[in-house]
Amino acid sequence: MTPVLREWQATFVADIASGGGEARLAIHRHHIQRSLAKALATTFPTVQALVGADFFRQIAGVFALQHLPTQPVLAEYGSDFAGFLAAEEAMHGLPYLADVARLDWALNVAFHSPRAAEAGLVGLSPEALLSRVLTLAPGAALVRSRYPIDRIWTASQPGAPDGQVDLAQGPTCLLVLPAGFVRLDEGEAAFVASVAEGKTLEAAAVAGFTAANGFDLSACFARLLICEAFAATQQ
């Protein structure tokens, strides 16, 4: 790219973002704003379902003018949207909306992440297993909230029966994976967080027991295996 072209592009983007430039740029600005809002609606469908399509376009339009893409893949656009919604709570009035956006974003990242190979745990003795360090599946993420965002997410899906979600059913910790998400209790959340930090399974188990007296390591580990939560194992 030549310096002249690079300078022109920088000026063009700055004009669109600021509203400056010639009148013809307004057409391009409107088109880009609409395209980015449409991309955000695809990535954050639960947020759109909660606030309605018309209001979502307004919120997304404001966000788009402040946060232009820095990469060509629109599926990767919107990493700052949850933070924007948290800062602009007065605009939408929903204290849980930013956390729902974090869940939508985590699901988007997990969906577009490569699938993991087998973790290679077959045949290991319990002693050998406890000394291993596991890696979570690509795109896996823990999403925490003071609110029952899993129930809010479920109630917002197309075809879901009408009904109120009791916000007092939080707090919630969800493990987001390529296949979806699972709700974790305190012990399970501490276990998974320790695994994500690169600790051995034994250390992660200790974290689980410390967080919750009733933590069941065998049940938790079996559940995570069924969910394909692990990607690899190290000595």
Protein backbone atom coordinates (compact mmCIF):
# COMPACT_ATOMS: atom_id res chain seq x y z
CA MET A 1 0.00 0.00 0.00
CA THR A 2 1.44 3.38 -0.97
CA PRO A 3 1.76 6.21 1.59
CA VAL A 4 -0.72 8.30 -0.41
CA LEU A 5 -3.34 5.53 -0.42
CA ARG A 6 -2.79 4.84 3.27
CA GLU A 7 -3.23 8.52 4.09
CA TRP A 8 -6.40 8.73 1.97
CA GLN A 9 -7.88 5.69 3.68
CA ALA A 10 -7.08 7.08 7.13
CA THR A 11 -8.72 10.38 6.26
CA PHE A 12 -11.73 8.59 4.76
CA VAL A 13 -12.28 6.49 7.88
CA ALA A 14 -11.81 9.52 10.16
CA ASP A 15 -14.37 11.51 8.18
CA ILE A 16 -16.92 8.71 8.34
CA ALA A 17 -16.44 8.24 12.06
CA SER A 18 -16.60 11.95 12.90
CA GLY A 19 -19.32 13.00 10.52
CA GLY A 20 -16.98 15.41 8.73
CA GLY A 21 -15.93 15.54 5.07
CA GLU A 22 -18.04 16.22 2.03
CA ALA A 23 -21.76 15.54 1.92
CA ARG A 24 -21.26 12.45 -0.25
CA LEU A 25 -19.46 10.79 2.66
CA ALA A 26 -22.76 10.75 4.54
CA ILE A 27 -23.96 8.03 2.16
CA HIS A 28 -20.90 5.90 2.86
CA ARG A 29 -21.15 6.60 6.59
CA HIS A 30 -24.79 5.54 6.68
CA HIS A 31 -24.04 2.38 4.70
CA ILE A 32 -21.15 1.40 6.95
CA GLN A 33 -23.14 2.18 10.08
CA ARG A 34 -26.03 0.02 8.85
CA SER A 35 -23.71 -2.83 7.80
CA LEU A 36 -21.93 -2.85 11.17
CA ALA A 37 -25.21 -2.76 13.06
CA LYS A 38 -26.39 -5.74 11.02
CA ALA A 39 -23.18 -7.62 11.83
CA LEU A 40 -23.64 -6.87 15.52
CA ALA A 41 -27.20 -8.18 15.39
CA THR A 42 -25.84 -11.49 14.07
CA THR A 43 -23.24 -11.71 16.84
CA PHE A 44 -25.51 -10.50 19.65
CA PRO A 45 -28.92 -12.02 18.88
CA THR A 46 -29.94 -12.30 22.54
CA VAL A 47 -29.25 -8.63 23.16
CA GLN A 48 -31.36 -7.75 20.14
CA ALA A 49 -34.18 -10.02 21.34
CA LEU A 50 -34.19 -8.27 24.72
CA VAL A 51 -34.30 -4.68 23.46
CA GLY A 52 -36.08 -5.18 20.13
CA ALA A 53 -34.72 -4.87 16.60
CA ASP A 54 -35.43 -1.15 16.18
CA PHE A 55 -33.80 -0.07 19.42
CA PHE A 56 -30.89 -2.45 18.82
CA ARG A 57 -30.18 -0.74 15.51
CA GLN A 58 -30.00 2.59 17.31
CA ILE A 59 -27.65 1.29 20.01
CA ALA A 60 -25.51 -0.58 17.50
CA GLY A 61 -25.36 2.50 15.27
CA VAL A 62 -23.99 4.62 18.11
CA PHE A 63 -21.46 1.93 18.96
CA ALA A 64 -20.41 1.52 15.33
CA LEU A 65 -19.55 5.20 14.95
CA GLN A 66 -17.34 5.01 18.03
CA HIS A 67 -15.76 1.61 17.33
CA LEU A 68 -14.91 1.00 13.70
CA PRO A 69 -13.58 -2.47 12.80
CA THR A 70 -9.84 -3.04 13.02
CA GLN A 71 -9.92 -6.32 11.09
CA PRO A 72 -11.67 -7.46 7.89
CA VAL A 73 -13.67 -10.34 9.41
CA LEU A 74 -16.99 -9.04 10.73
CA ALA A 75 -17.44 -12.17 12.88
CA GLU A 76 -14.57 -10.77 14.94
CA TYR A 77 -16.24 -7.37 15.32
CA GLY A 78 -17.89 -6.44 18.60
CA SER A 79 -15.42 -7.41 21.32
CA ASP A 80 -16.03 -4.01 22.99
CA PHE A 81 -19.83 -4.09 22.68
CA ALA A 82 -20.45 -5.52 26.16
CA GLY A 83 -18.27 -2.84 27.72
CA PHE A 84 -20.13 -0.21 25.73
CA LEU A 85 -23.48 -1.49 27.01
CA ALA A 86 -22.17 -1.50 30.59
CA ALA A 87 -21.06 2.11 30.27
CA GLU A 88 -24.33 3.15 28.60
CA GLU A 89 -26.77 1.43 30.97
CA ALA A 90 -28.80 4.64 31.21
CA MET A 91 -29.48 4.28 27.48
CA HIS A 92 -31.17 0.88 27.76
CA GLY A 93 -32.02 0.53 31.47
CA LEU A 94 -31.23 -3.20 31.73
CA PRO A 95 -28.53 -3.94 34.34
CA TYR A 96 -27.99 -7.47 33.01
CA LEU A 97 -27.73 -6.54 29.31
CA ALA A 98 -23.93 -6.18 29.30
CA ASP A 99 -23.53 -9.64 30.84
CA VAL A 100 -25.88 -11.11 28.24
CA ALA A 101 -23.72 -9.46 25.59
CA ARG A 102 -20.64 -11.11 27.12
CA LEU A 103 -22.40 -14.45 26.83
CA ASP A 104 -23.37 -13.79 23.21
CA TRP A 105 -19.78 -12.78 22.42
CA ALA A 106 -18.32 -15.84 24.17
CA LEU A 107 -20.66 -18.10 22.20
CA ASN A 108 -19.59 -16.36 19.00
CA VAL A 109 -15.89 -16.84 19.78
CA ALA A 110 -16.38 -20.49 20.75
CA PHE A 111 -18.42 -21.21 17.63
CA HIS A 112 -15.70 -19.84 15.34
CA SER A 113 -12.84 -21.56 17.20
CA PRO A 114 -11.24 -24.72 15.80
CA ARG A 115 -12.44 -28.00 17.21
CA ALA A 116 -10.13 -29.69 19.70
CA ALA A 117 -8.49 -33.07 19.30
CA GLU A 118 -9.01 -35.83 21.86
CA ALA A 119 -7.60 -34.97 25.28
CA GLY A 120 -5.78 -38.31 25.49
CA LEU A 121 -6.96 -39.36 28.94
CA VAL A 122 -7.96 -42.95 28.18
CA GLY A 123 -6.02 -45.51 30.18
CA LEU A 124 -4.52 -43.11 32.71
CA SER A 125 -4.62 -44.17 36.35
CA PRO A 126 -6.23 -41.78 38.86
CA GLU A 127 -2.78 -40.96 40.26
CA ALA A 128 -1.36 -40.17 36.83
CA LEU A 129 -4.44 -38.17 35.91
CA LEU A 130 -4.21 -35.91 38.95
CA SER A 131 -0.66 -34.91 38.03
CA ARG A 132 -1.66 -33.83 34.51
CA VAL A 133 -2.28 -30.30 33.28
CA LEU A 134 -5.24 -30.01 30.94
CA THR A 135 -6.05 -27.34 28.39
CA LEU A 136 -9.62 -26.18 27.90
CA ALA A 137 -11.15 -26.51 24.45
CA PRO A 138 -10.33 -23.66 22.03
CA GLY A 139 -12.70 -20.77 22.57
CA ALA A 140 -13.80 -21.96 26.01
CA ALA A 141 -14.58 -19.16 28.45
CA LEU A 142 -16.04 -18.61 31.89
CA VAL A 143 -18.78 -15.99 31.96
CA ARG A 144 -19.90 -14.76 35.38
CA SER A 145 -22.86 -12.58 36.22
CA ARG A 146 -24.89 -11.41 39.19
CA TYR A 147 -27.94 -12.39 37.15
CA PRO A 148 -29.29 -15.71 35.78
CA ILE A 149 -28.09 -14.95 32.26
CA ASP A 150 -28.50 -18.58 31.19
CA ARG A 151 -32.21 -18.40 31.96
CA ILE A 152 -32.46 -14.98 30.32
CA TRP A 153 -30.72 -16.41 27.25
CA THR A 154 -33.08 -19.41 27.12
CA ALA A 155 -36.18 -17.26 27.56
CA SER A 156 -35.02 -15.01 24.70
CA GLN A 157 -34.67 -17.77 22.12
CA PRO A 158 -37.15 -17.93 19.22
CA GLY A 159 -40.16 -20.04 20.16
CA ALA A 160 -39.45 -19.94 23.89
CA PRO A 161 -42.60 -19.80 26.02
CA ASP A 162 -43.46 -16.42 27.45
CA GLY A 163 -42.55 -16.03 31.09
CA GLN A 164 -40.69 -13.91 33.58
CA VAL A 165 -37.16 -14.72 34.70
CA ASP A 166 -36.52 -14.23 38.40
CA LEU A 167 -33.38 -12.11 38.54
CA ALA A 168 -32.80 -13.31 42.10
CA GLN A 169 -31.84 -16.73 40.66
CA GLY A 170 -28.32 -15.40 40.11
CA PRO A 171 -25.40 -15.15 40.48
CA THR A 172 -24.38 -17.42 37.63
CA CYS A 173 -21.17 -18.87 36.26
CA LEU A 174 -21.28 -20.41 32.80
CA LEU A 175 -18.66 -22.41 30.94
CA VAL A 176 -19.02 -21.54 27.27
CA LEU A 177 -17.86 -24.19 24.80
CA PRO A 178 -18.15 -24.71 21.03
CA ALA A 179 -21.21 -26.89 21.62
CA GLY A 180 -22.95 -24.35 23.87
CA PHE A 181 -22.70 -23.57 27.57
CA VAL A 182 -23.18 -25.29 30.91
CA ARG A 183 -23.99 -23.76 34.27
CA LEU A 184 -21.40 -24.40 36.97
CA ASP A 185 -21.76 -24.34 40.74
CA GLU A 186 -19.12 -22.66 42.91
CA GLY A 187 -16.93 -25.74 43.23
CA GLU A 188 -17.08 -26.54 39.52
CA ALA A 189 -16.34 -22.93 38.62
CA ALA A 190 -13.27 -22.89 40.87
CA PHE A 191 -12.10 -26.18 39.36
CA VAL A 192 -12.46 -24.94 35.78
CA ALA A 193 -10.84 -21.59 36.60
CA SER A 194 -7.82 -23.42 38.01
CA VAL A 195 -7.59 -25.62 34.91
CA ALA A 196 -7.70 -22.47 32.77
CA GLU A 197 -4.81 -21.05 34.82
CA GLY A 198 -2.66 -24.06 33.90
CA LYS A 199 -2.76 -25.84 37.25
CA THR A 200 -2.67 -29.62 37.60
CA LEU A 201 -5.92 -31.48 38.08
CA GLU A 202 -4.93 -32.13 41.69
CA ALA A 203 -4.51 -28.41 42.35
CA ALA A 204 -7.75 -27.69 40.50
CA ALA A 205 -9.52 -30.28 42.65
CA VAL A 206 -8.23 -28.60 45.79
CA ALA A 207 -9.63 -25.30 44.50
CA GLY A 208 -12.99 -26.96 43.94
CA PHE A 209 -13.11 -28.46 47.42
CA THR A 210 -12.05 -25.14 48.95
CA ALA A 211 -14.80 -23.26 47.15
CA ALA A 212 -17.57 -25.74 48.02
CA ASN A 213 -17.65 -28.45 50.69
CA GLY A 214 -19.94 -30.59 48.55
CA PHE A 215 -17.75 -30.48 45.46
CA ASP A 216 -17.82 -33.86 43.68
CA LEU A 217 -14.64 -34.20 41.63
CA SER A 218 -15.66 -37.40 39.84
CA ALA A 219 -19.07 -36.05 38.82
CA CYS A 220 -17.60 -32.71 37.75
CA PHE A 221 -14.83 -34.30 35.69
CA ALA A 222 -17.20 -36.75 34.01
CA ARG A 223 -19.61 -33.95 33.16
CA LEU A 224 -16.83 -31.86 31.60
CA LEU A 225 -15.59 -34.82 29.59
CA ILE A 226 -19.07 -35.36 28.16
CA CYS A 227 -19.19 -31.66 27.22
CA GLU A 228 -15.78 -32.00 25.50
CA ALA A 229 -14.40 -29.23 27.68
CA PHE A 230 -10.78 -30.41 27.45
CA ALA A 231 -8.45 -30.17 24.49
CA ALA A 232 -5.09 -31.59 25.52
CA THR A 233 -3.09 -32.95 28.40
CA GLN A 234 0.47 -32.30 29.52
CA GLN A 235 2.79 -34.10 31.91
